[in-house]
Amino acid sequence: VQLQASGGGLVQAGGSLRLSCAASGNIFVRNRMGWYRQAPGKERESVAMITSGGSINLRESVRGRFAISTDSAKNTLYLEMNNLKPEDTAVYYCYARQLGLEYWGQGTQVTVSS
């Protein structure tokens, strides 16, 4: 399984971005997928997770602004980010766990200017 993240960029505070994570292989069965982020000098943190059963967990600081979804027909995971804030600036990584194995995408930079 390989994960390819895209969609990052530079946006002003209050703006929106949609991250995509294209997956090779049949990763959308009995899985847990999501997004992590890592800001400079900080530890990587979970942002949003979704299971194949449809359960969603969002980091408290992004609730009401971010949404996670999947399109199994396109083998793609999404992170819709609205009302972005400077503190959302980080490298965002897509993640998948299936049958005890973990997979990571290469990361995409999101920069929010004030």
C-alpha atoms as a PDB file:
ATOM      1  CA  VAL A   1       0.000   0.000   0.000  1.00  0.00           C
ATOM      2  CA  GLN A   2       1.241   3.470  -0.894  1.00  0.00           C
ATOM      3  CA  LEU A   3      -0.292   6.783   0.123  1.00  0.00           C
ATOM      4  CA  GLN A   4       0.160   9.980  -1.899  1.00  0.00           C
ATOM      5  CA  ALA A   5      -0.935  13.220  -0.223  1.00  0.00           C
ATOM      6  CA  SER A   6      -1.629  16.431  -2.101  1.00  0.00           C
ATOM      7  CA  GLY A   7      -3.543  19.680  -1.855  1.00  0.00           C
ATOM      8  CA  GLY A   8      -1.436  21.689   0.549  1.00  0.00           C
ATOM      9  CA  GLY A   9      -0.488  25.274  -0.085  1.00  0.00           C
ATOM     10  CA  LEU A  10      -0.379  28.826   1.186  1.00  0.00           C
ATOM     11  CA  VAL A  11      -3.667  30.387   2.251  1.00  0.00           C
ATOM     12  CA  GLN A  12      -4.725  33.399   4.270  1.00  0.00           C
ATOM     13  CA  ALA A  13      -6.372  33.015   7.636  1.00  0.00           C
ATOM     14  CA  GLY A  14     -10.042  32.231   7.173  1.00  0.00           C
ATOM     15  CA  GLY A  15      -9.400  30.451   3.900  1.00  0.00           C
ATOM     16  CA  SER A  16      -9.966  26.849   2.903  1.00  0.00           C
ATOM     17  CA  LEU A  17      -8.010  23.935   1.504  1.00  0.00           C
ATOM     18  CA  ARG A  18      -8.853  20.344   0.682  1.00  0.00           C
ATOM     19  CA  LEU A  19      -6.196  17.720   1.150  1.00  0.00           C
ATOM     20  CA  SER A  20      -6.361  14.468  -0.775  1.00  0.00           C
ATOM     21  CA  CYS A  21      -4.630  11.180  -0.127  1.00  0.00           C
ATOM     22  CA  ALA A  22      -4.653   8.703  -2.981  1.00  0.00           C
ATOM     23  CA  ALA A  23      -4.135   5.121  -1.895  1.00  0.00           C
ATOM     24  CA  SER A  24      -2.903   2.204  -3.902  1.00  0.00           C
ATOM     25  CA  GLY A  25      -4.147  -1.203  -2.926  1.00  0.00           C
ATOM     26  CA  ASN A  26      -7.379  -2.137  -1.190  1.00  0.00           C
ATOM     27  CA  ILE A  27      -6.923  -0.072   1.945  1.00  0.00           C
ATOM     28  CA  PHE A  28     -10.564   0.869   2.399  1.00  0.00           C
ATOM     29  CA  VAL A  29     -11.621  -2.371   4.066  1.00  0.00           C
ATOM     30  CA  ARG A  30     -11.321  -3.069   7.816  1.00  0.00           C
ATOM     31  CA  ASN A  31      -9.126  -0.055   8.294  1.00  0.00           C
ATOM     32  CA  ARG A  32      -8.485   3.142  10.154  1.00  0.00           C
ATOM     33  CA  MET A  33      -7.354   6.142   8.137  1.00  0.00           C
ATOM     34  CA  GLY A  34      -6.668   9.723   8.930  1.00  0.00           C
ATOM     35  CA  TRP A  35      -4.492  12.792   8.983  1.00  0.00           C
ATOM     36  CA  TYR A  36      -1.680  13.842  11.250  1.00  0.00           C
ATOM     37  CA  ARG A  37       0.237  17.080  11.243  1.00  0.00           C
ATOM     38  CA  GLN A  38       3.576  18.274  12.484  1.00  0.00           C
ATOM     39  CA  ALA A  39       4.491  21.905  13.000  1.00  0.00           C
ATOM     40  CA  PRO A  40       8.135  23.024  13.272  1.00  0.00           C
ATOM     41  CA  GLY A  41       9.553  22.148  16.671  1.00  0.00           C
ATOM     42  CA  LYS A  42       6.459  20.226  17.704  1.00  0.00           C
ATOM     43  CA  GLU A  43       5.485  16.588  17.872  1.00  0.00           C
ATOM     44  CA  ARG A  44       3.303  14.990  15.260  1.00  0.00           C
ATOM     45  CA  GLU A  45      -0.343  15.073  16.325  1.00  0.00           C
ATOM     46  CA  SER A  46      -3.521  13.429  15.171  1.00  0.00           C
ATOM     47  CA  VAL A  47      -5.938  15.745  13.392  1.00  0.00           C
ATOM     48  CA  ALA A  48      -8.749  13.537  12.129  1.00  0.00           C
ATOM     49  CA  MET A  49      -9.415   9.816  11.942  1.00  0.00           C
ATOM     50  CA  ILE A  50     -12.073   7.727  10.232  1.00  0.00           C
ATOM     51  CA  THR A  51     -12.681   4.002  10.371  1.00  0.00           C
ATOM     52  CA  SER A  52     -14.089   1.740   7.700  1.00  0.00           C
ATOM     53  CA  GLY A  53     -17.154   1.482   9.931  1.00  0.00           C
ATOM     54  CA  GLY A  54     -17.706   5.218   9.616  1.00  0.00           C
ATOM     55  CA  SER A  55     -16.579   6.371  13.062  1.00  0.00           C
ATOM     56  CA  ILE A  56     -14.925   9.784  13.017  1.00  0.00           C
ATOM     57  CA  ASN A  57     -12.676  11.419  15.560  1.00  0.00           C
ATOM     58  CA  LEU A  58     -11.564  15.018  15.182  1.00  0.00           C
ATOM     59  CA  ARG A  59      -9.030  16.899  17.217  1.00  0.00           C
ATOM     60  CA  GLU A  60     -10.875  19.349  19.441  1.00  0.00           C
ATOM     61  CA  SER A  61      -9.135  22.393  17.964  1.00  0.00           C
ATOM     62  CA  VAL A  62     -10.400  21.582  14.455  1.00  0.00           C
ATOM     63  CA  ARG A  63     -13.961  20.544  15.241  1.00  0.00           C
ATOM     64  CA  GLY A  64     -16.461  22.622  13.320  1.00  0.00           C
ATOM     65  CA  ARG A  65     -13.764  23.630  10.802  1.00  0.00           C
ATOM     66  CA  PHE A  66     -12.317  20.389   9.397  1.00  0.00           C
ATOM     67  CA  ALA A  67     -14.086  17.375   7.941  1.00  0.00           C
ATOM     68  CA  ILE A  68     -12.679  13.976   7.002  1.00  0.00           C
ATOM     69  CA  SER A  69     -14.159  11.698   4.383  1.00  0.00           C
ATOM     70  CA  THR A  70     -13.313   8.849   2.047  1.00  0.00           C
ATOM     71  CA  ASP A  71     -14.280   7.879  -1.466  1.00  0.00           C
ATOM     72  CA  SER A  72     -13.619   4.169  -1.790  1.00  0.00           C
ATOM     73  CA  ALA A  73     -14.471   4.211  -5.499  1.00  0.00           C
ATOM     74  CA  LYS A  74     -11.580   6.629  -6.008  1.00  0.00           C
ATOM     75  CA  ASN A  75      -9.373   5.071  -3.310  1.00  0.00           C
ATOM     76  CA  THR A  76      -9.004   8.530  -1.819  1.00  0.00           C
ATOM     77  CA  LEU A  77      -9.083  10.051   1.643  1.00  0.00           C
ATOM     78  CA  TYR A  78      -9.938  13.728   2.047  1.00  0.00           C
ATOM     79  CA  LEU A  79      -9.519  16.442   4.643  1.00  0.00           C
ATOM     80  CA  GLU A  80     -11.659  19.505   4.061  1.00  0.00           C
ATOM     81  CA  MET A  81     -10.229  22.425   6.032  1.00  0.00           C
ATOM     82  CA  ASN A  82     -12.227  25.621   6.469  1.00  0.00           C
ATOM     83  CA  ASN A  83     -11.669  28.792   8.452  1.00  0.00           C
ATOM     84  CA  LEU A  84      -7.972  28.019   8.608  1.00  0.00           C
ATOM     85  CA  LYS A  85      -5.893  29.636  11.322  1.00  0.00           C
ATOM     86  CA  PRO A  86      -2.153  30.360  11.498  1.00  0.00           C
ATOM     87  CA  GLU A  87      -1.848  27.648  14.152  1.00  0.00           C
ATOM     88  CA  ASP A  88      -2.964  25.106  11.549  1.00  0.00           C
ATOM     89  CA  THR A  89       0.335  25.647   9.742  1.00  0.00           C
ATOM     90  CA  ALA A  90       2.129  22.298   9.544  1.00  0.00           C
ATOM     91  CA  VAL A  91       3.098  19.431   7.316  1.00  0.00           C
ATOM     92  CA  TYR A  92       0.068  17.185   6.998  1.00  0.00           C
ATOM     93  CA  TYR A  93       0.491  13.434   6.634  1.00  0.00           C
ATOM     94  CA  CYS A  94      -2.097  10.889   5.657  1.00  0.00           C
ATOM     95  CA  TYR A  95      -2.100   7.633   7.569  1.00  0.00           C
ATOM     96  CA  ALA A  96      -3.654   4.225   7.279  1.00  0.00           C
ATOM     97  CA  ARG A  97      -3.718   1.180   9.497  1.00  0.00           C
ATOM     98  CA  GLN A  98      -4.935  -2.171   8.269  1.00  0.00           C
ATOM     99  CA  LEU A  99      -4.452  -5.642   9.718  1.00  0.00           C
ATOM    100  CA  GLY A 100      -1.876  -4.349  12.159  1.00  0.00           C
ATOM    101  CA  LEU A 101       0.230  -2.598   9.538  1.00  0.00           C
ATOM    102  CA  GLU A 102       0.685   1.154   9.346  1.00  0.00           C
ATOM    103  CA  TYR A 103       1.251   3.275   6.265  1.00  0.00           C
ATOM    104  CA  TRP A 104       2.209   6.934   5.888  1.00  0.00           C
ATOM    105  CA  GLY A 105       2.041   9.388   3.018  1.00  0.00           C
ATOM    106  CA  GLN A 106       4.898  11.737   2.254  1.00  0.00           C
ATOM    107  CA  GLY A 107       3.327  14.862   3.736  1.00  0.00           C
ATOM    108  CA  THR A 108       1.986  18.056   2.236  1.00  0.00           C
ATOM    109  CA  GLN A 109       2.755  21.540   3.559  1.00  0.00           C
ATOM    110  CA  VAL A 110      -0.086  23.767   4.718  1.00  0.00           C
ATOM    111  CA  THR A 111       0.834  27.365   5.514  1.00  0.00           C
ATOM    112  CA  VAL A 112      -1.730  29.808   6.863  1.00  0.00           C
ATOM    113  CA  SER A 113      -0.767  33.464   6.887  1.00  0.00           C
ATOM    114  CA  SER A 114      -2.286  35.945   9.311  1.00  0.00           C
END
